[in-house]
Amino acid sequence: MKILNFILLSAILVNGQALAAETPEPVAHKIAVAVTAFSVQADKPDLVKASDEIRQLFEAKLGEQDLVVVERAKLDEALHEAKLSQAGIVDPNSAKDVGKVIGADFIVTGRISEIGGTMVVSGRAIDTETSAIIPVSIEVADKGQIVASIGKAAATLSEKMQVAKKAKATEVNAVAVDKSLPAGPRPKVLVLFNEIHIGRPVIDPASETALVRYLLANDFKVVDPAFAKGLRGDEEKWRPLQNAGEGAVALLAKLGKEQNADVVIYGEAFSERGESVEGMLTCRGRIEAKAVLVKDGSVLAYDSEHAGASDLAEHVAGKKAIEAAAQKVAPRLATLVLKKWANPKAEK
């Protein structure tokens, strides 16, 4: 008997610690998976047909495990835009880029070869968020057992993904201290975000909440988010900030002084609905943020990021996409703020 090795990536996600008043309960959602074409051993052209059959089996068996399988056309389009072949996803970075576009949690790929007359499939499912790995091995007596073997592999993958999902749900309110941040005193920060989903303003922005979580977890002093919420609810005060253009920096510095803040982080975030995949809605989110030094109105840092997410509910998918983008921006902004806060003339 030979071993059919499937090397599959795990989902390990650590989110920031939310403020109690603004932390939604984790929303259950199905895991989205995309299956690419498997590469084939160069000197075994007869395996090409088997490759497509194995891919179809994998898609079918994963679907039977209550996972959402991304449509091939959608995956093909994303791969084309990324200038990758169907079998070209060989590293986590490529998988992350494609996963963002199609809203997939995992991308399954692999290679088919023949050893001593026995077909061997070496595969892996790449977690588009974390790049963690879950190894799974299946023994296959002969090619007639391939259907049962792939079914077993799909079941194992589903089980391990569900375990990771539960771990994510229990850790959603926990945030790890970022040990990469420069040591030293921390400034007091006012965080303000304008967030829109499909033309609809959001009362409690996920972007703002994610930044506040991160800052609090890393010993920054933060102005009570209730101030930002009240400001957004006062159109007379909020509109000038949105329409000020270049003058917005001066307004931000003024607001910061009123709240005894050292730095103001102001940003805009938006999310837009993508395609629906077997009942799951995908959304793309983008965030742009800048840090302003209150005492002189200078801009300490500017950054932007985008991400994708999926969920049964569109507004939840939108928030997840924006939050994922904000979690990437937060450490970069914080690092620059700490480096330049005490010395704003430092090289940017």
Protein backbone atom coordinates (compact mmCIF):
# COMPACT_ATOMS: atom_id res chain seq x y z
CA MET A 1 0.00 0.00 0.00
CA LYS A 2 1.22 3.47 -0.88
CA ILE A 3 0.61 6.75 0.91
CA LEU A 4 -1.46 9.54 -0.64
CA ASN A 5 -0.20 12.70 1.04
CA PHE A 6 -2.37 15.75 1.30
CA ILE A 7 -0.59 18.67 3.05
CA LEU A 8 -3.25 21.16 4.03
CA LEU A 9 -2.98 24.63 5.59
CA SER A 10 -4.68 25.57 8.89
CA ALA A 11 -6.61 28.67 9.81
CA ILE A 12 -5.10 30.47 12.80
CA LEU A 13 -6.42 33.95 13.30
CA VAL A 14 -5.75 36.31 16.13
CA ASN A 15 -7.99 39.33 16.18
CA GLY A 16 -7.70 42.37 18.36
CA GLN A 17 -9.40 42.87 21.67
CA ALA A 18 -12.63 44.80 21.16
CA LEU A 19 -14.24 47.26 23.47
CA ALA A 20 -17.17 45.57 25.19
CA ALA A 21 -19.73 48.06 23.94
CA GLU A 22 -18.68 47.68 20.31
CA THR A 23 -17.77 43.99 20.01
CA PRO A 24 -20.31 41.98 18.01
CA GLU A 25 -20.81 38.34 18.76
CA PRO A 26 -18.88 36.11 16.35
CA VAL A 27 -21.10 35.25 13.37
CA ALA A 28 -21.05 31.68 12.15
CA HIS A 29 -20.13 31.34 8.49
CA LYS A 30 -19.17 28.57 6.16
CA ILE A 31 -15.55 28.20 5.17
CA ALA A 32 -14.88 29.09 1.52
CA VAL A 33 -12.43 26.91 -0.42
CA ALA A 34 -11.07 27.17 -3.95
CA VAL A 35 -9.48 24.18 -5.70
CA THR A 36 -6.93 24.83 -8.45
CA ALA A 37 -5.79 22.43 -11.14
CA PHE A 38 -3.12 20.07 -9.86
CA SER A 39 0.24 20.14 -11.62
CA VAL A 40 1.36 16.90 -13.25
CA GLN A 41 4.71 15.11 -13.42
CA ALA A 42 6.33 16.29 -16.66
CA ASP A 43 7.04 12.83 -18.11
CA LYS A 44 3.54 11.48 -17.34
CA PRO A 45 1.11 13.12 -19.81
CA ASP A 46 -1.41 10.35 -19.15
CA LEU A 47 -1.94 11.86 -15.69
CA VAL A 48 -3.38 15.07 -17.13
CA LYS A 49 -6.87 13.57 -17.39
CA ALA A 50 -6.55 12.12 -13.92
CA SER A 51 -5.60 15.58 -12.65
CA ASP A 52 -8.88 17.11 -13.76
CA GLU A 53 -10.86 14.17 -12.38
CA ILE A 54 -9.11 14.49 -9.01
CA ARG A 55 -9.86 18.19 -8.93
CA GLN A 56 -13.54 17.54 -9.63
CA LEU A 57 -13.63 14.89 -6.91
CA PHE A 58 -11.98 17.23 -4.45
CA GLU A 59 -14.51 19.97 -5.22
CA ALA A 60 -17.43 17.57 -4.88
CA LYS A 61 -16.22 16.00 -1.63
CA LEU A 62 -15.42 19.35 -0.05
CA GLY A 63 -18.90 20.51 -0.97
CA GLU A 64 -20.35 17.46 0.78
CA GLN A 65 -18.56 18.61 3.95
CA ASP A 66 -20.65 21.79 4.12
CA LEU A 67 -17.82 23.92 2.80
CA VAL A 68 -18.39 26.58 0.15
CA VAL A 69 -16.49 25.75 -3.04
CA VAL A 70 -15.63 28.82 -5.10
CA GLU A 71 -16.75 28.58 -8.72
CA ARG A 72 -14.00 27.75 -11.20
CA ALA A 73 -14.83 30.74 -13.41
CA LYS A 74 -14.30 33.11 -10.51
CA LEU A 75 -10.98 31.46 -9.61
CA ASP A 76 -9.87 31.48 -13.25
CA GLU A 77 -10.56 35.21 -13.49
CA ALA A 78 -8.60 35.95 -10.31
CA LEU A 79 -5.66 33.83 -11.48
CA HIS A 80 -5.69 35.60 -14.84
CA GLU A 81 -5.58 39.01 -13.15
CA ALA A 82 -2.71 37.84 -10.94
CA LYS A 83 -0.93 36.43 -14.01
CA LEU A 84 -0.80 32.95 -12.50
CA SER A 85 -1.58 29.60 -14.12
CA GLN A 86 -4.09 27.19 -12.63
CA ALA A 87 -1.20 25.23 -11.19
CA GLY A 88 0.83 28.34 -10.48
CA ILE A 89 -0.11 28.85 -6.85
CA VAL A 90 2.92 27.31 -5.24
CA ASP A 91 3.56 29.70 -2.37
CA PRO A 92 1.47 31.32 0.39
CA ASN A 93 1.94 34.85 -0.96
CA SER A 94 0.32 33.97 -4.28
CA ALA A 95 -2.52 32.24 -2.45
CA LYS A 96 -3.09 35.30 -0.25
CA ASP A 97 -3.33 37.60 -3.24
CA VAL A 98 -5.82 35.38 -5.05
CA GLY A 99 -7.73 34.59 -1.87
CA LYS A 100 -8.31 38.30 -1.21
CA VAL A 101 -9.94 38.71 -4.60
CA ILE A 102 -12.25 35.68 -4.47
CA GLY A 103 -13.01 35.72 -0.74
CA ALA A 104 -11.63 32.20 -0.17
CA ASP A 105 -10.38 31.11 3.25
CA PHE A 106 -8.29 28.31 1.75
CA ILE A 107 -6.91 27.50 -1.68
CA VAL A 108 -6.24 23.82 -2.36
CA THR A 109 -3.48 22.98 -4.80
CA GLY A 110 -1.00 20.20 -5.36
CA ARG A 111 0.94 17.89 -7.64
CA ILE A 112 0.22 14.47 -9.14
CA SER A 113 3.01 12.04 -9.89
CA GLU A 114 3.53 8.32 -10.41
CA ILE A 115 5.93 6.25 -8.33
CA GLY A 116 6.40 2.57 -9.08
CA GLY A 117 3.12 2.44 -10.98
CA THR A 118 1.23 4.05 -8.09
CA MET A 119 -0.38 7.47 -8.39
CA VAL A 120 0.69 9.85 -5.63
CA VAL A 121 -1.07 13.15 -5.01
CA SER A 122 0.81 15.65 -2.88
CA GLY A 123 -1.49 18.54 -2.07
CA ARG A 124 -1.87 21.47 0.26
CA ALA A 125 -4.60 23.87 1.18
CA ILE A 126 -3.18 27.35 1.65
CA ASP A 127 -4.78 29.51 4.31
CA THR A 128 -5.16 32.88 2.64
CA GLU A 129 -4.93 34.68 5.99
CA THR A 130 -2.24 32.95 8.03
CA SER A 131 -0.30 30.48 5.83
CA ALA A 132 -0.38 27.89 8.65
CA ILE A 133 -0.21 24.18 7.69
CA ILE A 134 -2.29 21.13 8.65
CA PRO A 135 -0.74 17.87 7.39
CA VAL A 136 -3.05 15.02 6.37
CA SER A 137 -1.97 11.63 4.98
CA ILE A 138 -4.17 8.99 3.32
CA GLU A 139 -3.20 5.43 2.35
CA VAL A 140 -4.44 4.18 -1.03
CA ALA A 141 -4.34 0.47 -1.89
CA ASP A 142 -4.98 1.04 -5.61
CA LYS A 143 -6.43 3.60 -8.01
CA GLY A 144 -9.86 2.14 -7.42
CA GLN A 145 -9.71 3.60 -3.92
CA ILE A 146 -9.02 7.16 -5.04
CA VAL A 147 -12.64 8.33 -4.59
CA ALA A 148 -12.81 7.03 -1.03
CA SER A 149 -9.37 8.45 -0.27
CA ILE A 150 -10.25 11.93 -1.49
CA GLY A 151 -13.51 11.75 0.43
CA LYS A 152 -11.56 10.93 3.59
CA ALA A 153 -9.11 13.76 2.92
CA ALA A 154 -11.96 16.22 2.42
CA ALA A 155 -13.61 15.10 5.66
CA THR A 156 -10.33 15.50 7.55
CA LEU A 157 -9.78 18.95 6.07
CA SER A 158 -13.29 20.03 7.01
CA GLU A 159 -12.89 18.79 10.58
CA LYS A 160 -9.60 20.60 11.06
CA MET A 161 -10.99 23.79 9.53
CA GLN A 162 -13.93 23.69 11.92
CA VAL A 163 -11.54 23.28 14.85
CA ALA A 164 -9.61 26.32 13.64
CA LYS A 165 -12.87 28.22 13.22
CA LYS A 166 -13.87 27.51 16.82
CA ALA A 167 -10.42 28.59 17.99
CA LYS A 168 -10.86 31.82 16.08
CA ALA A 169 -14.24 32.43 17.69
CA THR A 170 -12.83 31.99 21.19
CA GLU A 171 -9.87 34.24 20.42
CA VAL A 172 -11.82 37.02 18.70
CA ASN A 173 -11.64 39.21 21.80
CA ALA A 174 -7.96 38.50 22.48
CA VAL A 175 -5.07 40.42 21.03
CA ALA A 176 -1.39 39.64 21.27
CA VAL A 177 1.04 42.32 22.35
CA ASP A 178 3.08 43.45 19.37
CA LYS A 179 6.66 42.87 20.49
CA SER A 180 8.02 44.44 17.32
CA LEU A 181 6.90 47.93 18.36
CA PRO A 182 9.64 50.32 19.53
CA ALA A 183 10.00 50.54 23.31
CA GLY A 184 9.35 53.75 25.20
CA PRO A 185 6.47 56.05 26.18
CA ARG A 186 3.21 55.96 24.27
CA PRO A 187 1.21 58.98 23.09
CA LYS A 188 -2.48 59.54 23.66
CA VAL A 189 -4.34 58.89 20.42
CA LEU A 190 -7.69 60.04 19.04
CA VAL A 191 -8.98 57.59 16.41
CA LEU A 192 -11.56 58.79 13.87
CA PHE A 193 -12.82 56.84 10.88
CA ASN A 194 -15.43 57.47 8.25
CA GLU A 195 -16.69 54.10 7.02
CA ILE A 196 -19.09 53.30 4.21
CA HIS A 197 -20.51 50.06 2.90
CA ILE A 198 -22.14 50.22 -0.54
CA GLY A 199 -22.99 53.88 -0.16
CA ARG A 200 -24.32 53.42 3.35
CA PRO A 201 -22.51 55.07 6.29
CA VAL A 202 -21.64 52.83 9.24
CA ILE A 203 -22.33 53.97 12.81
CA ASP A 204 -19.66 51.86 14.54
CA PRO A 205 -16.81 51.46 12.04
CA ALA A 206 -14.96 48.13 12.15
CA SER A 207 -11.83 50.00 11.04
CA GLU A 208 -11.94 52.32 14.03
CA THR A 209 -12.65 49.50 16.46
CA ALA A 210 -9.73 47.43 15.11
CA LEU A 211 -7.30 50.35 15.49
CA VAL A 212 -8.50 51.10 19.03
CA ARG A 213 -8.15 47.44 20.06
CA TYR A 214 -4.61 47.29 18.78
CA LEU A 215 -3.54 50.56 20.44
CA LEU A 216 -5.04 49.65 23.80
CA ALA A 217 -3.42 46.23 23.73
CA ASN A 218 -0.05 47.89 23.18
CA ASP A 219 -0.26 50.42 26.03
CA PHE A 220 -1.32 53.47 24.04
CA LYS A 221 -3.69 55.88 25.70
CA VAL A 222 -6.81 56.26 23.59
CA VAL A 223 -9.54 58.90 23.63
CA ASP A 224 -12.89 57.31 24.53
CA PRO A 225 -14.40 56.00 21.25
CA ALA A 226 -17.70 57.48 22.41
CA PHE A 227 -16.31 60.87 21.36
CA ALA A 228 -15.79 59.69 17.76
CA LYS A 229 -19.23 58.12 17.69
CA GLY A 230 -20.83 61.33 18.92
CA LEU A 231 -18.86 63.38 16.40
CA ARG A 232 -20.08 61.27 13.50
CA GLY A 233 -23.62 61.64 14.77
CA ASP A 234 -23.36 65.45 14.69
CA GLU A 235 -23.56 66.36 11.00
CA GLU A 236 -22.73 70.00 11.66
CA LYS A 237 -19.38 69.02 13.20
CA TRP A 238 -18.62 65.96 11.08
CA ARG A 239 -19.30 67.36 7.59
CA PRO A 240 -16.58 70.07 7.72
CA LEU A 241 -14.00 67.39 8.49
CA GLN A 242 -15.06 65.33 5.47
CA ASN A 243 -15.14 68.29 3.09
CA ALA A 244 -12.09 70.16 4.33
CA GLY A 245 -9.66 68.67 1.82
CA GLU A 246 -6.12 69.73 2.71
CA GLY A 247 -7.52 71.77 5.58
CA ALA A 248 -8.64 68.55 7.28
CA VAL A 249 -5.25 68.20 8.95
CA ALA A 250 -5.72 71.49 10.79
CA LEU A 251 -9.20 70.44 11.90
CA LEU A 252 -7.84 67.11 13.12
CA ALA A 253 -5.13 68.84 15.13
CA LYS A 254 -7.77 71.11 16.67
CA LEU A 255 -9.94 68.15 17.64
CA GLY A 256 -6.90 66.41 19.09
CA LYS A 257 -6.07 69.40 21.29
CA GLU A 258 -9.66 69.54 22.54
CA GLN A 259 -9.35 65.91 23.67
CA ASN A 260 -5.82 66.32 25.07
CA ALA A 261 -4.50 63.87 22.49
CA ASP A 262 -0.95 63.83 21.17
CA VAL A 263 -1.78 62.15 17.86
CA VAL A 264 -4.92 61.83 15.75
CA ILE A 265 -5.35 58.84 13.45
CA TYR A 266 -7.95 59.69 10.84
CA GLY A 267 -9.03 57.36 8.09
CA GLU A 268 -11.61 56.38 5.54
CA ALA A 269 -12.76 52.85 4.88
CA PHE A 270 -15.21 51.36 2.46
CA SER A 271 -16.43 47.94 1.47
CA GLU A 272 -18.19 46.75 -1.64
CA ARG A 273 -20.09 43.60 -2.38
CA GLY A 274 -18.53 41.02 -4.66
CA GLU A 275 -20.10 37.89 -6.07
CA SER A 276 -22.30 35.38 -4.31
CA VAL A 277 -20.83 31.88 -4.05
CA GLU A 278 -23.28 29.15 -3.05
CA GLY A 279 -25.09 31.36 -0.57
CA MET A 280 -21.92 33.05 0.72
CA LEU A 281 -21.51 36.74 0.00
CA THR A 282 -18.05 38.13 -0.64
CA CYS A 283 -16.95 41.71 -0.01
CA ARG A 284 -13.82 43.71 -0.70
CA GLY A 285 -12.68 46.30 1.81
CA ARG A 286 -10.13 49.11 1.66
CA ILE A 287 -8.77 51.41 4.35
CA GLU A 288 -6.69 54.59 4.10
CA ALA A 289 -5.36 56.26 7.25
CA LYS A 290 -3.00 59.02 8.32
CA ALA A 291 -1.53 59.98 11.67
CA VAL A 292 -1.37 63.69 12.52
CA LEU A 293 0.82 65.21 15.22
CA VAL A 294 -1.48 67.46 17.24
CA LYS A 295 1.07 70.02 18.43
CA ASP A 296 2.01 71.22 14.95
CA GLY A 297 -0.42 69.56 12.55
CA SER A 298 2.27 67.62 10.70
CA VAL A 299 1.50 64.25 9.14
CA LEU A 300 3.53 61.52 10.83
CA ALA A 301 2.42 58.60 8.69
CA TYR A 302 0.10 57.53 5.90
CA ASP A 303 -0.86 53.99 4.92
CA SER A 304 -3.50 52.00 3.06
CA GLU A 305 -4.51 48.36 2.72
CA HIS A 306 -7.22 46.17 1.23
CA ALA A 307 -8.64 42.74 2.05
CA GLY A 308 -11.49 40.41 1.23
CA ALA A 309 -13.92 38.39 3.32
CA SER A 310 -17.05 36.29 2.98
CA ASP A 311 -20.10 35.59 5.11
CA LEU A 312 -23.77 34.67 4.87
CA ALA A 313 -24.64 38.29 5.70
CA GLU A 314 -23.41 41.04 3.39
CA HIS A 315 -22.88 43.68 6.08
CA VAL A 316 -20.87 41.21 8.18
CA ALA A 317 -18.70 40.28 5.19
CA GLY A 318 -18.09 43.99 4.59
CA LYS A 319 -17.07 44.60 8.19
CA LYS A 320 -14.79 41.56 8.17
CA ALA A 321 -13.04 42.76 5.02
CA ILE A 322 -12.46 46.23 6.45
CA GLU A 323 -11.36 44.85 9.81
CA ALA A 324 -8.85 42.56 8.12
CA ALA A 325 -7.40 45.53 6.25
CA ALA A 326 -7.27 47.63 9.43
CA GLN A 327 -5.44 44.89 11.32
CA LYS A 328 -2.69 45.01 8.70
CA VAL A 329 -2.42 48.80 8.79
CA ALA A 330 -2.43 49.14 12.61
CA PRO A 331 1.10 47.87 13.38
CA ARG A 332 2.65 49.81 10.52
CA LEU A 333 1.01 53.08 11.57
CA ALA A 334 1.82 52.51 15.24
CA THR A 335 5.47 51.85 14.47
CA LEU A 336 5.85 55.08 12.51
CA VAL A 337 3.95 57.08 15.14
CA LEU A 338 6.25 55.84 17.91
CA LYS A 339 9.36 56.56 15.88
CA LYS A 340 8.31 60.09 14.96
CA TRP A 341 6.10 61.25 17.82
CA ALA A 342 8.96 62.42 20.03
CA ASN A 343 10.98 63.55 17.00
CA PRO A 344 8.59 64.70 14.25
CA LYS A 345 11.51 65.90 12.11
CA ALA A 346 12.85 62.37 11.82
CA GLU A 347 13.15 60.99 8.32
CA LYS A 348 9.82 59.72 7.01
